[in-house]
Amino acid sequence: MSYKELENIIDTKIQKAIRKHELIVAFISSIIGLVFIMGLFHAILLNHTQINAFCLR
């Protein structure tokens, strides 16, 4: 096995690891974004019901 073949094997392993890591980071960030959007939507809804209750009083 030559040095060049070994280098290619290591490069492909590193690229696979980077791809996997990018996928995990993207998945986690999308979940965090979804939770943030849901929280924002919930806060807007809550605020809307409070405004309605205050105006109807």
PDB file of N, CA and C in Angstrom:
ATOM      1  N   MET A   1       0.847  -1.184   0.000  1.00  0.00           N
ATOM      2  CA  MET A   1       0.000   0.000   0.000  1.00  0.00           C
ATOM      3  C   MET A   1       0.890   1.245   0.000  1.00  0.00           C
ATOM      4  N   SER A   2       0.675   2.084  -0.975  1.00  0.00           N
ATOM      5  CA  SER A   2       1.510   3.272  -1.079  1.00  0.00           C
ATOM      6  C   SER A   2       0.976   4.391  -0.186  1.00  0.00           C
ATOM      7  N   TYR A   3       1.798   5.386  -0.031  1.00  0.00           N
ATOM      8  CA  TYR A   3       1.441   6.544   0.795  1.00  0.00           C
ATOM      9  C   TYR A   3       0.213   7.255   0.222  1.00  0.00           C
ATOM     10  N   LYS A   4       0.130   7.327  -1.112  1.00  0.00           N
ATOM     11  CA  LYS A   4      -0.975   8.020  -1.791  1.00  0.00           C
ATOM     12  C   LYS A   4      -2.297   7.299  -1.542  1.00  0.00           C
ATOM     13  N   GLU A   5      -2.295   5.958  -1.607  1.00  0.00           N
ATOM     14  CA  GLU A   5      -3.513   5.182  -1.343  1.00  0.00           C
ATOM     15  C   GLU A   5      -3.982   5.388   0.084  1.00  0.00           C
ATOM     16  N   LEU A   6      -3.042   5.371   1.024  1.00  0.00           N
ATOM     17  CA  LEU A   6      -3.351   5.575   2.430  1.00  0.00           C
ATOM     18  C   LEU A   6      -3.962   6.971   2.647  1.00  0.00           C
ATOM     19  N   GLU A   7      -3.368   7.953   1.978  1.00  0.00           N
ATOM     20  CA  GLU A   7      -3.862   9.334   2.080  1.00  0.00           C
ATOM     21  C   GLU A   7      -5.289   9.435   1.549  1.00  0.00           C
ATOM     22  N   ASN A   8      -5.570   8.766   0.432  1.00  0.00           N
ATOM     23  CA  ASN A   8      -6.919   8.776  -0.144  1.00  0.00           C
ATOM     24  C   ASN A   8      -7.932   8.129   0.793  1.00  0.00           C
ATOM     25  N   ILE A   9      -7.555   7.004   1.400  1.00  0.00           N
ATOM     26  CA  ILE A   9      -8.437   6.305   2.338  1.00  0.00           C
ATOM     27  C   ILE A   9      -8.754   7.204   3.538  1.00  0.00           C
ATOM     28  N   ILE A  10      -7.723   7.827   4.091  1.00  0.00           N
ATOM     29  CA  ILE A  10      -7.903   8.717   5.244  1.00  0.00           C
ATOM     30  C   ILE A  10      -8.774   9.910   4.865  1.00  0.00           C
ATOM     31  N   ASP A  11      -8.544  10.475   3.682  1.00  0.00           N
ATOM     32  CA  ASP A  11      -9.347  11.603   3.200  1.00  0.00           C
ATOM     33  C   ASP A  11     -10.824  11.235   3.097  1.00  0.00           C
ATOM     34  N   THR A  12     -11.115  10.063   2.533  1.00  0.00           N
ATOM     35  CA  THR A  12     -12.519   9.650   2.395  1.00  0.00           C
ATOM     36  C   THR A  12     -13.151   9.433   3.762  1.00  0.00           C
ATOM     37  N   LYS A  13     -12.408   8.870   4.705  1.00  0.00           N
ATOM     38  CA  LYS A  13     -12.930   8.668   6.061  1.00  0.00           C
ATOM     39  C   LYS A  13     -13.230  10.012   6.731  1.00  0.00           C
ATOM     40  N   ILE A  14     -12.326  10.975   6.562  1.00  0.00           N
ATOM     41  CA  ILE A  14     -12.524  12.309   7.139  1.00  0.00           C
ATOM     42  C   ILE A  14     -13.738  12.986   6.506  1.00  0.00           C
ATOM     43  N   GLN A  15     -13.878  12.870   5.185  1.00  0.00           N
ATOM     44  CA  GLN A  15     -15.020  13.475   4.497  1.00  0.00           C
ATOM     45  C   GLN A  15     -16.330  12.864   4.962  1.00  0.00           C
ATOM     46  N   LYS A  16     -16.359  11.539   5.160  1.00  0.00           N
ATOM     47  CA  LYS A  16     -17.562  10.870   5.666  1.00  0.00           C
ATOM     48  C   LYS A  16     -17.905  11.370   7.063  1.00  0.00           C
ATOM     49  N   ALA A  17     -16.879  11.501   7.912  1.00  0.00           N
ATOM     50  CA  ALA A  17     -17.096  11.979   9.284  1.00  0.00           C
ATOM     51  C   ALA A  17     -17.622  13.417   9.283  1.00  0.00           C
ATOM     52  N   ILE A  18     -17.062  14.259   8.413  1.00  0.00           N
ATOM     53  CA  ILE A  18     -17.513  15.655   8.311  1.00  0.00           C
ATOM     54  C   ILE A  18     -18.962  15.701   7.833  1.00  0.00           C
ATOM     55  N   ARG A  19     -19.299  14.888   6.839  1.00  0.00           N
ATOM     56  CA  ARG A  19     -20.664  14.847   6.309  1.00  0.00           C
ATOM     57  C   ARG A  19     -21.641  14.425   7.394  1.00  0.00           C
ATOM     58  N   LYS A  20     -21.260  13.396   8.162  1.00  0.00           N
ATOM     59  CA  LYS A  20     -22.109  12.908   9.251  1.00  0.00           C
ATOM     60  C   LYS A  20     -22.289  13.999  10.303  1.00  0.00           C
ATOM     61  N   HIS A  21     -21.218  14.668  10.648  1.00  0.00           N
ATOM     62  CA  HIS A  21     -21.260  15.745  11.638  1.00  0.00           C
ATOM     63  C   HIS A  21     -22.146  16.890  11.158  1.00  0.00           C
ATOM     64  N   GLU A  22     -22.023  17.266   9.873  1.00  0.00           N
ATOM     65  CA  GLU A  22     -22.862  18.326   9.303  1.00  0.00           C
ATOM     66  C   GLU A  22     -24.328  17.949   9.373  1.00  0.00           C
ATOM     67  N   LEU A  23     -24.634  16.687   9.089  1.00  0.00           N
ATOM     68  CA  LEU A  23     -26.008  16.198   9.131  1.00  0.00           C
ATOM     69  C   LEU A  23     -26.571  16.292  10.550  1.00  0.00           C
ATOM     70  N   ILE A  24     -25.776  15.883  11.540  1.00  0.00           N
ATOM     71  CA  ILE A  24     -26.206  15.935  12.938  1.00  0.00           C
ATOM     72  C   ILE A  24     -26.438  17.381  13.374  1.00  0.00           C
ATOM     73  N   VAL A  25     -25.508  18.271  13.022  1.00  0.00           N
ATOM     74  CA  VAL A  25     -25.634  19.688  13.395  1.00  0.00           C
ATOM     75  C   VAL A  25     -26.864  20.305  12.737  1.00  0.00           C
ATOM     76  N   ALA A  26     -27.107  19.994  11.466  1.00  0.00           N
ATOM     77  CA  ALA A  26     -28.272  20.517  10.758  1.00  0.00           C
ATOM     78  C   ALA A  26     -29.562  20.022  11.403  1.00  0.00           C
ATOM     79  N   PHE A  27     -29.595  18.738  11.780  1.00  0.00           N
ATOM     80  CA  PHE A  27     -30.776  18.151  12.415  1.00  0.00           C
ATOM     81  C   PHE A  27     -31.064  18.825  13.749  1.00  0.00           C
ATOM     82  N   ILE A  28     -30.019  18.998  14.578  1.00  0.00           N
ATOM     83  CA  ILE A  28     -30.180  19.624  15.895  1.00  0.00           C
ATOM     84  C   ILE A  28     -30.628  21.077  15.750  1.00  0.00           C
ATOM     85  N   SER A  29     -30.018  21.812  14.824  1.00  0.00           N
ATOM     86  CA  SER A  29     -30.381  23.215  14.643  1.00  0.00           C
ATOM     87  C   SER A  29     -31.801  23.355  14.105  1.00  0.00           C
ATOM     88  N   SER A  30     -32.232  22.418  13.266  1.00  0.00           N
ATOM     89  CA  SER A  30     -33.613  22.480  12.763  1.00  0.00           C
ATOM     90  C   SER A  30     -34.606  22.209  13.886  1.00  0.00           C
ATOM     91  N   ILE A  31     -34.277  21.276  14.790  1.00  0.00           N
ATOM     92  CA  ILE A  31     -35.144  21.006  15.940  1.00  0.00           C
ATOM     93  C   ILE A  31     -35.225  22.237  16.836  1.00  0.00           C
ATOM     94  N   ILE A  32     -34.063  22.867  17.103  1.00  0.00           N
ATOM     95  CA  ILE A  32     -34.041  24.077  17.934  1.00  0.00           C
ATOM     96  C   ILE A  32     -34.872  25.181  17.280  1.00  0.00           C
ATOM     97  N   GLY A  33     -34.740  25.346  15.973  1.00  0.00           N
ATOM     98  CA  GLY A  33     -35.523  26.339  15.242  1.00  0.00           C
ATOM     99  C   GLY A  33     -37.011  26.068  15.324  1.00  0.00           C
ATOM    100  N   LEU A  34     -37.381  24.801  15.192  1.00  0.00           N
ATOM    101  CA  LEU A  34     -38.791  24.399  15.277  1.00  0.00           C
ATOM    102  C   LEU A  34     -39.349  24.699  16.662  1.00  0.00           C
ATOM    103  N   VAL A  35     -38.594  24.370  17.703  1.00  0.00           N
ATOM    104  CA  VAL A  35     -39.021  24.646  19.080  1.00  0.00           C
ATOM    105  C   VAL A  35     -39.174  26.150  19.291  1.00  0.00           C
ATOM    106  N   PHE A  36     -38.226  26.932  18.756  1.00  0.00           N
ATOM    107  CA  PHE A  36     -38.277  28.390  18.885  1.00  0.00           C
ATOM    108  C   PHE A  36     -39.520  28.952  18.204  1.00  0.00           C
ATOM    109  N   ILE A  37     -39.810  28.477  16.972  1.00  0.00           N
ATOM    110  CA  ILE A  37     -40.975  28.949  16.224  1.00  0.00           C
ATOM    111  C   ILE A  37     -42.263  28.568  16.954  1.00  0.00           C
ATOM    112  N   MET A  38     -42.311  27.324  17.477  1.00  0.00           N
ATOM    113  CA  MET A  38     -43.496  26.889  18.222  1.00  0.00           C
ATOM    114  C   MET A  38     -43.694  27.744  19.468  1.00  0.00           C
ATOM    115  N   GLY A  39     -42.618  28.055  20.167  1.00  0.00           N
ATOM    116  CA  GLY A  39     -42.679  28.908  21.348  1.00  0.00           C
ATOM    117  C   GLY A  39     -43.155  30.304  21.014  1.00  0.00           C
ATOM    118  N   LEU A  40     -42.661  30.840  19.915  1.00  0.00           N
ATOM    119  CA  LEU A  40     -43.071  32.165  19.454  1.00  0.00           C
ATOM    120  C   LEU A  40     -44.549  32.167  19.105  1.00  0.00           C
ATOM    121  N   PHE A  41     -44.991  31.142  18.371  1.00  0.00           N
ATOM    122  CA  PHE A  41     -46.397  31.015  17.982  1.00  0.00           C
ATOM    123  C   PHE A  41     -47.284  30.897  19.215  1.00  0.00           C
ATOM    124  N   HIS A  42     -46.839  30.106  20.179  1.00  0.00           N
ATOM    125  CA  HIS A  42     -47.582  29.918  21.423  1.00  0.00           C
ATOM    126  C   HIS A  42     -47.695  31.236  22.189  1.00  0.00           C
ATOM    127  N   ALA A  43     -46.593  31.988  22.245  1.00  0.00           N
ATOM    128  CA  ALA A  43     -46.595  33.280  22.942  1.00  0.00           C
ATOM    129  C   ALA A  43     -47.543  34.266  22.256  1.00  0.00           C
ATOM    130  N   ILE A  44     -47.541  34.280  20.919  1.00  0.00           N
ATOM    131  CA  ILE A  44     -48.434  35.177  20.169  1.00  0.00           C
ATOM    132  C   ILE A  44     -49.887  34.800  20.430  1.00  0.00           C
ATOM    133  N   LEU A  45     -50.177  33.499  20.398  1.00  0.00           N
ATOM    134  CA  LEU A  45     -51.532  33.014  20.658  1.00  0.00           C
ATOM    135  C   LEU A  45     -51.984  33.390  22.067  1.00  0.00           C
ATOM    136  N   LEU A  46     -51.109  33.167  23.039  1.00  0.00           N
ATOM    137  CA  LEU A  46     -51.416  33.490  24.433  1.00  0.00           C
ATOM    138  C   LEU A  46     -51.677  34.981  24.586  1.00  0.00           C
ATOM    139  N   ASN A  47     -50.817  35.781  23.982  1.00  0.00           N
ATOM    140  CA  ASN A  47     -50.947  37.230  24.040  1.00  0.00           C
ATOM    141  C   ASN A  47     -52.262  37.665  23.394  1.00  0.00           C
ATOM    142  N   HIS A  48     -52.616  37.032  22.285  1.00  0.00           N
ATOM    143  CA  HIS A  48     -53.851  37.353  21.564  1.00  0.00           C
ATOM    144  C   HIS A  48     -55.071  37.066  22.435  1.00  0.00           C
ATOM    145  N   THR A  49     -55.078  35.924  23.114  1.00  0.00           N
ATOM    146  CA  THR A  49     -56.214  35.575  23.979  1.00  0.00           C
ATOM    147  C   THR A  49     -56.274  36.534  25.173  1.00  0.00           C
ATOM    148  N   GLN A  50     -55.137  36.933  25.703  1.00  0.00           N
ATOM    149  CA  GLN A  50     -55.128  37.882  26.816  1.00  0.00           C
ATOM    150  C   GLN A  50     -55.665  39.236  26.372  1.00  0.00           C
ATOM    151  N   ILE A  51     -55.289  39.670  25.158  1.00  0.00           N
ATOM    152  CA  ILE A  51     -55.784  40.953  24.629  1.00  0.00           C
ATOM    153  C   ILE A  51     -57.296  40.865  24.434  1.00  0.00           C
ATOM    154  N   ASN A  52     -57.761  39.751  23.873  1.00  0.00           N
ATOM    155  CA  ASN A  52     -59.206  39.577  23.678  1.00  0.00           C
ATOM    156  C   ASN A  52     -59.945  39.586  25.013  1.00  0.00           C
ATOM    157  N   ALA A  53     -59.422  38.890  26.006  1.00  0.00           N
ATOM    158  CA  ALA A  53     -60.060  38.840  27.320  1.00  0.00           C
ATOM    159  C   ALA A  53     -60.071  40.238  27.946  1.00  0.00           C
ATOM    160  N   PHE A  54     -59.009  40.988  27.766  1.00  0.00           N
ATOM    161  CA  PHE A  54     -58.923  42.343  28.342  1.00  0.00           C
ATOM    162  C   PHE A  54     -59.903  43.288  27.642  1.00  0.00           C
ATOM    163  N   CYS A  55     -60.015  43.175  26.318  1.00  0.00           N
ATOM    164  CA  CYS A  55     -60.910  44.054  25.547  1.00  0.00           C
ATOM    165  C   CYS A  55     -62.379  43.717  25.782  1.00  0.00           C
ATOM    166  N   LEU A  56     -62.669  42.441  25.986  1.00  0.00           N
ATOM    167  CA  LEU A  56     -64.059  42.026  26.178  1.00  0.00           C
ATOM    168  C   LEU A  56     -64.549  42.267  27.600  1.00  0.00           C
ATOM    169  N   ARG A  57     -63.657  42.576  28.508  1.00  0.00           N
ATOM    170  CA  ARG A  57     -64.034  42.799  29.902  1.00  0.00           C
ATOM    171  C   ARG A  57     -64.846  44.053  30.072  1.00  0.00           C
TER     172      ARG A  57
END
